[in-house]
Structure formats: C-alpha cells, structure tokens
Amino acid sequence: MMTTDSLKKEIIRLKHEKHAVILGHYYQIDDIQELSDYIGDSLALAQEAQRTEAPIIVFCGVHFMAETAKILNPERKVLLPDVAASCSLAESCTGEDLRRFKQQHPGHYVVSYVNCSAAVKAESDLICTSGNAEQLINALPKDQKIIFAPDKNLGSYINYKTGRNMVLWDGVCTVHDQLEAEGILKLKQENPDALVVAHPECNAAVLAVSDFIGSTKAMLGYIEKSPCKRFIVSTESGILYEMRKNNPEKEFIAVSGKDTCSCLDCSYMKMNTLEKLYRCLRDETPEIEMDRDMIEKAKLPIVRMLDMSKQLGIIK
C-alpha cells in the first residue's frame, strides 16, 4: 500500500512524463484539488478542456464532465479515474426521455444544464451552466418558448430571475435538494453574524433564506470581496477547500443534509481517490470513448454556449 505522499509524487511524475493535464472540479477531495492543474466549476473546466493542447486529459469529476471534455477534444485521450462516478441529476433524464418531452412541447427551444449526459446534450439547442444560465436565457428572444432540463430547481430560479415561464424537466441534484430551509435558519440564529451562500441547485425555500445565490465560482468571488468574516455554506462540501485556501482569515460553516449531521458530500464526486488517479495515469484507463456522430451532435450546443458566453462578456 502506497502512502499518500508517495502517491502524490508518483502522480506528479506520471503527469509530467506523459504530458498530461489534470482537471479537477471544486467538489473533489482536497488532495486531488491540490494536484490538479486547473480547478473550477463546469464552465471553467469546459473552457480549459477546449483550449488544452495536452495529449492526455485526466478529468477528476463525474462522467458527464469527462464526456464534455471528450466532445471538445475528440482526438485527445480523456481519462476518468472512476468510470462509475455518475450524477443523480444526469441520471434523471436520458436522451430518449428528452426526445419524447420535446414531442410533447413542439416549438420549444431546449436549454440543458451542463450536468447531463452526451445523449441529452445532443437533443438540446443550447447548454448552460449555473454561472451563465441567467445571461444566456436573457439573450434569447422574449417570445421564445423554452424547455429547461434537467434541473427543475435551477430552472425555477432562472424563471424567477428572468421573468420567463420555461417548461421544466422534473430532475434534481439529490445532494443539493436535500438541504432544508429550517436547518439553515437554525444555523443563522446560532450565527447571526454569518452570511448564507447557496448554489441555485438548492430548492426554492433554501434560496429564499440565503444572502447570496450563485455558482461555485460566483460564491468564491462573493466571499473574497465580502467584508464579512463568517459564512454558512449551502452546497457540496468540497468547495470548502478552495474557500479556506483563498480566505484563511474567514470561517466557513458547512450545512448538513437532511437527517444527518455530516457534511454535504456528493458520493459520486468522492469516488475519485488518489489511488484511482495514480492507476488512471499509470495505465491510461478508464478512457472515455464516444461515437463520432454523438460527439458532433453534442458538441453543437456546447460550442454555442461558449460562443454566446464570449459575446456576452461572461468569459474571455
């Protein structure tokens, strides 16, 4: 059994030897975030996946994220430390599900949250992230009928922010959706000087008692600029690593899930370990492989998102 330090050294050695790049999501374990070349949310990592020249991309996240990297880099080898790392939200809607839903709502433009499978992306007109959804929806014609999939919580929040009446697919992130406003209000009473930051994948009741709502990147920016010294964090616990690293003088209180006193962890995100990352780089497997036709169909709405985001000044 290799020690943590020896695993880290071997991962770094293999990364340099194979000219690989490691992309890590904010929800990964601390050790993986420490070793990642780029850490970010879905939009930032999609950008990095699009512009990297590395022959091997190791995506430390979940399956749909690695798929996105492969879609944007079909000629490069994309690896995922644990191919079973899925996503409750992505599992809530299949490509066939969305195809039937579209037939029930003819004339609707389909906007899908990036947390979905390649098959769902292929059935979509535009992909969005929690960080750019509001701006992208606002950029569409006011009279355009829209289907928003698969996250009904994010879709409901965007409806509220934009005044739209998008038709929502009935899916949720089970991690964020388990948070309850009652528990957050109790924490606010116990910590009256703390501000509540929440991810828009949370349900409406949680968002209603929050001081700031935004993507992981937006939350990080808000906390860094805020004069407040204490924050109640309503999202997956992995983000605490970056929050504490960037703001060592501030205190962060993690919100626990329903019927538990433990931190809010995504079991899928935490499936990636140092041992699996080491074996992944050593053996160059598991590799994400996709049908060329699926890649081309799924790529169109992703590129449209990136192009629109640049036009709107969301990203450079």
Protein backbone atom coordinates (compact mmCIF):
# COMPACT_ATOMS: atom_id res chain seq x y z
CA MET A 1 0.00 0.00 0.00
CA MET A 2 1.49 3.33 -1.08
CA THR A 3 1.43 6.25 1.32
CA THR A 4 -0.37 9.49 0.49
CA ASP A 5 2.93 11.27 -0.12
CA SER A 6 4.28 8.53 -2.39
CA LEU A 7 1.01 8.52 -4.37
CA LYS A 8 1.23 12.27 -4.87
CA LYS A 9 4.85 12.04 -6.03
CA GLU A 10 4.02 9.28 -8.49
CA ILE A 11 1.00 11.17 -9.86
CA ILE A 12 3.16 14.26 -10.44
CA ARG A 13 5.90 12.17 -12.06
CA LEU A 14 3.47 10.37 -14.37
CA LYS A 15 1.70 13.61 -15.26
CA HIS A 16 4.96 15.19 -16.42
CA GLU A 17 6.19 12.01 -18.10
CA LYS A 18 3.00 11.64 -20.14
CA HIS A 19 2.48 15.40 -20.69
CA ALA A 20 -0.98 15.03 -19.18
CA VAL A 21 -3.20 17.71 -17.71
CA ILE A 22 -5.38 17.12 -14.64
CA LEU A 23 -8.69 18.99 -14.48
CA GLY A 24 -10.31 18.97 -11.04
CA HIS A 25 -13.78 20.05 -10.01
CA TYR A 26 -14.29 22.05 -6.81
CA TYR A 27 -16.15 19.08 -5.30
CA GLN A 28 -13.18 16.69 -5.45
CA ILE A 29 -11.34 15.64 -2.31
CA ASP A 30 -8.71 18.10 -1.05
CA ASP A 31 -5.71 16.02 -2.17
CA ILE A 32 -6.96 15.84 -5.76
CA GLN A 33 -7.68 19.56 -5.86
CA GLU A 34 -4.13 20.14 -4.63
CA LEU A 35 -2.70 18.10 -7.54
CA SER A 36 -4.95 19.50 -10.28
CA ASP A 37 -3.52 21.81 -12.93
CA TYR A 38 -6.86 23.58 -13.14
CA ILE A 39 -9.63 23.69 -10.55
CA GLY A 40 -13.01 25.10 -11.45
CA ASP A 41 -16.71 24.78 -11.97
CA SER A 42 -18.31 23.29 -15.06
CA LEU A 43 -17.91 26.41 -17.23
CA ALA A 44 -14.25 27.00 -16.34
CA LEU A 45 -13.35 23.35 -16.87
CA ALA A 46 -15.20 23.27 -20.20
CA GLN A 47 -13.05 26.22 -21.28
CA GLU A 48 -9.85 24.52 -20.16
CA ALA A 49 -10.87 21.30 -21.90
CA GLN A 50 -11.48 23.26 -25.09
CA ARG A 51 -8.12 25.03 -25.16
CA THR A 52 -5.71 22.49 -23.72
CA GLU A 53 -3.06 21.01 -26.00
CA ALA A 54 -2.19 18.13 -23.67
CA PRO A 55 -2.40 14.71 -25.35
CA ILE A 56 -3.98 13.24 -22.21
CA ILE A 57 -6.74 14.90 -20.17
CA VAL A 58 -7.46 13.38 -16.77
CA PHE A 59 -10.82 14.65 -15.61
CA CYS A 60 -11.32 14.43 -11.86
CA GLY A 61 -15.03 14.94 -11.67
CA VAL A 62 -18.01 12.88 -12.78
CA HIS A 63 -18.83 11.08 -16.01
CA PHE A 64 -20.76 13.82 -17.82
CA MET A 65 -17.85 16.23 -17.25
CA ALA A 66 -15.34 13.82 -18.78
CA GLU A 67 -17.76 13.30 -21.67
CA THR A 68 -17.82 17.07 -22.23
CA ALA A 69 -14.02 17.14 -22.33
CA LYS A 70 -14.04 14.33 -24.91
CA ILE A 71 -16.68 16.09 -27.00
CA LEU A 72 -14.49 19.21 -27.14
CA ASN A 73 -11.32 17.16 -27.71
CA PRO A 74 -12.26 14.10 -29.79
CA GLU A 75 -8.66 13.45 -30.87
CA ARG A 76 -7.23 13.51 -27.33
CA LYS A 77 -7.27 10.76 -24.74
CA VAL A 78 -9.69 11.63 -21.92
CA LEU A 79 -9.45 9.62 -18.72
CA LEU A 80 -11.76 9.43 -15.69
CA PRO A 81 -10.28 7.88 -12.51
CA ASP A 82 -13.55 6.08 -11.72
CA VAL A 83 -15.83 5.49 -14.70
CA ALA A 84 -18.71 4.73 -12.32
CA ALA A 85 -18.67 8.33 -11.00
CA SER A 86 -22.10 9.36 -12.22
CA CYS A 87 -24.52 12.16 -11.26
CA SER A 88 -28.05 11.94 -9.85
CA LEU A 89 -29.11 14.90 -11.99
CA ALA A 90 -27.68 13.44 -15.20
CA GLU A 91 -29.36 10.11 -14.40
CA SER A 92 -32.76 11.81 -14.09
CA CYS A 93 -33.08 12.37 -17.84
CA THR A 94 -31.99 10.24 -20.80
CA GLY A 95 -31.73 11.30 -24.42
CA GLU A 96 -34.87 9.32 -25.22
CA ASP A 97 -36.69 10.93 -22.28
CA LEU A 98 -35.90 14.41 -23.58
CA ARG A 99 -36.81 13.47 -27.16
CA ARG A 100 -40.29 12.41 -26.02
CA PHE A 101 -40.59 15.54 -23.87
CA LYS A 102 -39.76 17.71 -26.89
CA GLN A 103 -42.50 16.00 -28.89
CA GLN A 104 -44.97 16.93 -26.16
CA HIS A 105 -43.86 20.59 -26.38
CA PRO A 106 -43.39 21.41 -30.09
CA GLY A 107 -41.81 24.73 -30.99
CA HIS A 108 -39.75 24.91 -27.78
CA TYR A 109 -36.05 25.76 -27.74
CA VAL A 110 -34.21 23.30 -25.49
CA VAL A 111 -31.71 24.65 -22.97
CA SER A 112 -29.99 21.95 -20.93
CA TYR A 113 -27.86 22.41 -17.85
CA VAL A 114 -24.36 21.03 -18.45
CA ASN A 115 -25.00 18.42 -15.74
CA CYS A 116 -26.46 15.99 -18.27
CA SER A 117 -25.32 13.13 -20.49
CA ALA A 118 -23.96 13.50 -24.01
CA ALA A 119 -27.22 12.00 -25.30
CA VAL A 120 -29.22 14.79 -23.63
CA LYS A 121 -26.79 17.41 -24.93
CA ALA A 122 -27.31 16.01 -28.43
CA GLU A 123 -31.06 16.63 -28.07
CA SER A 124 -30.50 20.23 -26.89
CA ASP A 125 -30.20 23.56 -28.68
CA LEU A 126 -28.06 25.23 -26.03
CA ILE A 127 -26.09 24.14 -22.97
CA CYS A 128 -25.73 26.36 -19.90
CA THR A 129 -24.05 26.26 -16.50
CA SER A 130 -25.20 27.65 -13.18
CA GLY A 131 -22.78 30.52 -13.79
CA ASN A 132 -24.14 31.66 -17.16
CA ALA A 133 -27.74 30.37 -17.30
CA GLU A 134 -29.39 33.67 -16.43
CA GLN A 135 -27.44 35.68 -19.02
CA LEU A 136 -27.94 33.08 -21.76
CA ILE A 137 -31.69 32.84 -21.17
CA ASN A 138 -31.97 36.64 -21.15
CA ALA A 139 -30.18 36.72 -24.50
CA LEU A 140 -32.87 34.57 -26.15
CA PRO A 141 -35.94 36.27 -27.73
CA LYS A 142 -38.57 37.12 -25.12
CA ASP A 143 -41.28 35.28 -27.04
CA GLN A 144 -39.22 32.12 -27.46
CA LYS A 145 -40.79 29.07 -25.80
CA ILE A 146 -38.16 27.20 -23.82
CA ILE A 147 -37.71 23.76 -22.28
CA PHE A 148 -35.17 23.74 -19.44
CA ALA A 149 -33.64 20.39 -18.46
CA PRO A 150 -32.83 18.53 -16.34
CA ASP A 151 -32.65 20.59 -13.08
CA LYS A 152 -36.04 21.93 -12.02
CA ASN A 153 -34.53 23.88 -9.08
CA LEU A 154 -32.08 25.78 -11.26
CA GLY A 155 -34.77 26.23 -13.91
CA SER A 156 -37.24 27.57 -11.37
CA TYR A 157 -34.64 30.04 -10.08
CA ILE A 158 -33.86 31.23 -13.63
CA ASN A 159 -37.58 31.62 -14.31
CA TYR A 160 -37.79 33.82 -11.21
CA LYS A 161 -34.74 35.88 -12.18
CA THR A 162 -35.69 36.37 -15.83
CA GLY A 163 -39.49 36.50 -15.64
CA ARG A 164 -39.71 33.57 -18.07
CA ASN A 165 -42.09 30.65 -17.94
CA MET A 166 -39.80 27.86 -19.13
CA VAL A 167 -41.15 24.33 -19.12
CA LEU A 168 -39.05 22.42 -16.59
CA TRP A 169 -37.91 18.81 -16.63
CA ASP A 170 -38.54 17.22 -13.23
CA GLY A 171 -34.97 16.43 -12.13
CA VAL A 172 -32.83 17.46 -9.17
CA CYS A 173 -29.35 17.09 -7.74
CA THR A 174 -30.14 14.89 -4.77
CA VAL A 175 -27.22 16.38 -2.83
CA HIS A 176 -28.40 19.99 -3.06
CA ASP A 177 -32.11 19.18 -2.97
CA GLN A 178 -31.84 17.53 0.46
CA LEU A 179 -30.97 20.83 2.12
CA GLU A 180 -33.82 22.35 4.14
CA ALA A 181 -34.52 25.98 4.96
CA GLU A 182 -35.35 25.05 8.57
CA GLY A 183 -31.81 23.81 9.22
CA ILE A 184 -30.27 26.89 7.63
CA LEU A 185 -32.48 29.24 9.65
CA LYS A 186 -31.36 27.43 12.81
CA LEU A 187 -27.72 27.99 11.83
CA LYS A 188 -28.47 31.66 11.14
CA GLN A 189 -29.98 32.03 14.61
CA GLU A 190 -26.90 30.41 16.14
CA ASN A 191 -24.56 32.51 13.98
CA PRO A 192 -26.27 35.90 13.45
CA ASP A 193 -23.07 37.47 12.07
CA ALA A 194 -22.73 34.87 9.29
CA LEU A 195 -24.00 35.26 5.72
CA VAL A 196 -25.62 32.35 3.86
CA VAL A 197 -24.30 31.49 0.39
CA ALA A 198 -26.17 28.91 -1.68
CA HIS A 199 -25.97 27.15 -5.02
CA PRO A 200 -29.03 27.56 -7.29
CA GLU A 201 -29.43 23.76 -7.46
CA CYS A 202 -30.92 24.07 -3.95
CA ASN A 203 -34.71 24.20 -3.61
CA ALA A 204 -36.61 27.50 -3.56
CA ALA A 205 -37.13 27.50 0.22
CA VAL A 206 -33.36 27.34 0.81
CA LEU A 207 -32.68 30.05 -1.76
CA ALA A 208 -35.29 32.28 -0.11
CA VAL A 209 -33.33 32.35 3.16
CA SER A 210 -29.93 32.86 1.50
CA ASP A 211 -27.97 36.11 1.33
CA PHE A 212 -26.18 35.21 -1.90
CA ILE A 213 -27.07 32.72 -4.64
CA GLY A 214 -24.58 31.72 -7.30
CA SER A 215 -22.39 29.14 -8.97
CA THR A 216 -19.37 27.77 -7.15
CA LYS A 217 -17.15 30.34 -8.87
CA ALA A 218 -19.59 33.16 -8.06
CA MET A 219 -19.71 32.14 -4.40
CA LEU A 220 -15.92 32.17 -4.22
CA GLY A 221 -15.81 35.66 -5.72
CA TYR A 222 -18.53 36.96 -3.40
CA ILE A 223 -16.80 35.62 -0.28
CA GLU A 224 -13.43 37.02 -1.31
CA LYS A 225 -14.85 40.53 -1.78
CA SER A 226 -17.18 40.50 1.22
CA PRO A 227 -16.07 42.20 4.46
CA CYS A 228 -17.99 39.53 6.37
CA LYS A 229 -15.79 37.06 8.24
CA ARG A 230 -18.20 34.13 8.66
CA PHE A 231 -20.28 32.23 6.10
CA ILE A 232 -22.84 29.44 6.15
CA VAL A 233 -22.20 27.38 3.01
CA SER A 234 -25.16 25.65 1.33
CA THR A 235 -23.51 23.47 -1.28
CA GLU A 236 -21.29 20.40 -1.64
CA SER A 237 -18.55 20.33 0.99
CA GLY A 238 -15.67 20.06 -1.49
CA ILE A 239 -15.87 23.80 -2.13
CA LEU A 240 -14.66 24.45 1.43
CA TYR A 241 -11.08 23.57 0.40
CA GLU A 242 -10.88 26.47 -2.06
CA MET A 243 -12.80 28.83 0.23
CA ARG A 244 -10.41 28.22 3.12
CA LYS A 245 -7.35 28.37 0.89
CA ASN A 246 -8.35 31.74 -0.57
CA ASN A 247 -9.69 33.19 2.69
CA PRO A 248 -7.65 31.82 5.63
CA GLU A 249 -8.89 34.59 7.90
CA LYS A 250 -12.56 33.70 7.38
CA GLU A 251 -14.71 30.97 8.93
CA PHE A 252 -16.97 28.63 6.98
CA ILE A 253 -19.88 26.68 8.44
CA ALA A 254 -20.97 23.72 6.32
CA VAL A 255 -24.69 22.97 6.12
CA SER A 256 -25.51 19.31 6.69
CA GLY A 257 -28.07 17.33 4.75
CA LYS A 258 -31.48 16.22 5.92
CA ASP A 259 -31.45 13.76 8.84
CA THR A 260 -27.66 13.88 9.13
CA CYS A 261 -25.07 15.89 10.99
CA SER A 262 -22.31 15.18 8.47
CA CYS A 263 -21.07 17.49 5.72
CA LEU A 264 -22.93 17.63 2.43
CA ASP A 265 -20.93 15.26 0.21
CA CYS A 266 -21.63 14.04 -3.31
CA SER A 267 -20.79 10.34 -3.14
CA TYR A 268 -20.13 10.29 -6.89
CA MET A 269 -17.62 13.15 -6.73
CA LYS A 270 -15.85 11.46 -3.85
CA MET A 271 -15.43 8.20 -5.80
CA ASN A 272 -12.23 9.59 -7.31
CA THR A 273 -9.30 8.89 -4.98
CA LEU A 274 -5.53 9.37 -5.11
CA GLU A 275 -5.09 5.64 -5.67
CA LYS A 276 -7.51 5.67 -8.60
CA LEU A 277 -5.91 8.81 -10.04
CA TYR A 278 -2.48 7.15 -9.84
CA ARG A 279 -3.68 3.95 -11.57
CA CYS A 280 -5.55 6.02 -14.15
CA LEU A 281 -2.37 7.86 -15.15
CA ARG A 282 -0.21 4.74 -14.95
CA ASP A 283 -2.46 2.54 -17.10
CA GLU A 284 -4.16 5.31 -19.13
CA THR A 285 -7.55 3.84 -18.34
CA PRO A 286 -10.56 4.10 -17.88
CA GLU A 287 -10.78 6.07 -21.12
CA ILE A 288 -13.87 7.93 -22.28
CA GLU A 289 -14.81 6.68 -25.74
CA MET A 290 -17.74 8.03 -27.73
CA ASP A 291 -19.35 7.53 -31.11
CA ARG A 292 -18.25 10.19 -33.62
CA ASP A 293 -21.84 11.04 -34.57
CA MET A 294 -22.78 11.57 -30.91
CA ILE A 295 -19.73 13.79 -30.42
CA GLU A 296 -20.71 16.01 -33.33
CA LYS A 297 -24.34 16.35 -32.22
CA ALA A 298 -23.47 17.02 -28.56
CA LYS A 299 -20.73 19.49 -29.47
CA LEU A 300 -23.02 21.98 -31.24
CA PRO A 301 -24.93 23.25 -28.16
CA ILE A 302 -21.75 23.32 -26.05
CA VAL A 303 -19.88 25.44 -28.60
CA ARG A 304 -22.97 27.64 -28.90
CA MET A 305 -22.82 28.18 -25.13
CA LEU A 306 -19.12 29.07 -25.23
CA ASP A 307 -19.59 31.42 -28.20
CA MET A 308 -22.59 33.16 -26.62
CA SER A 309 -20.73 33.47 -23.30
CA LYS A 310 -17.86 35.22 -25.10
CA GLN A 311 -20.23 37.52 -26.97
CA LEU A 312 -21.98 38.46 -23.73
CA GLY A 313 -18.67 39.07 -21.97
CA ILE A 314 -19.20 36.26 -19.45
CA ILE A 315 -15.92 34.67 -20.45
CA LYS A 316 -12.96 35.91 -22.46
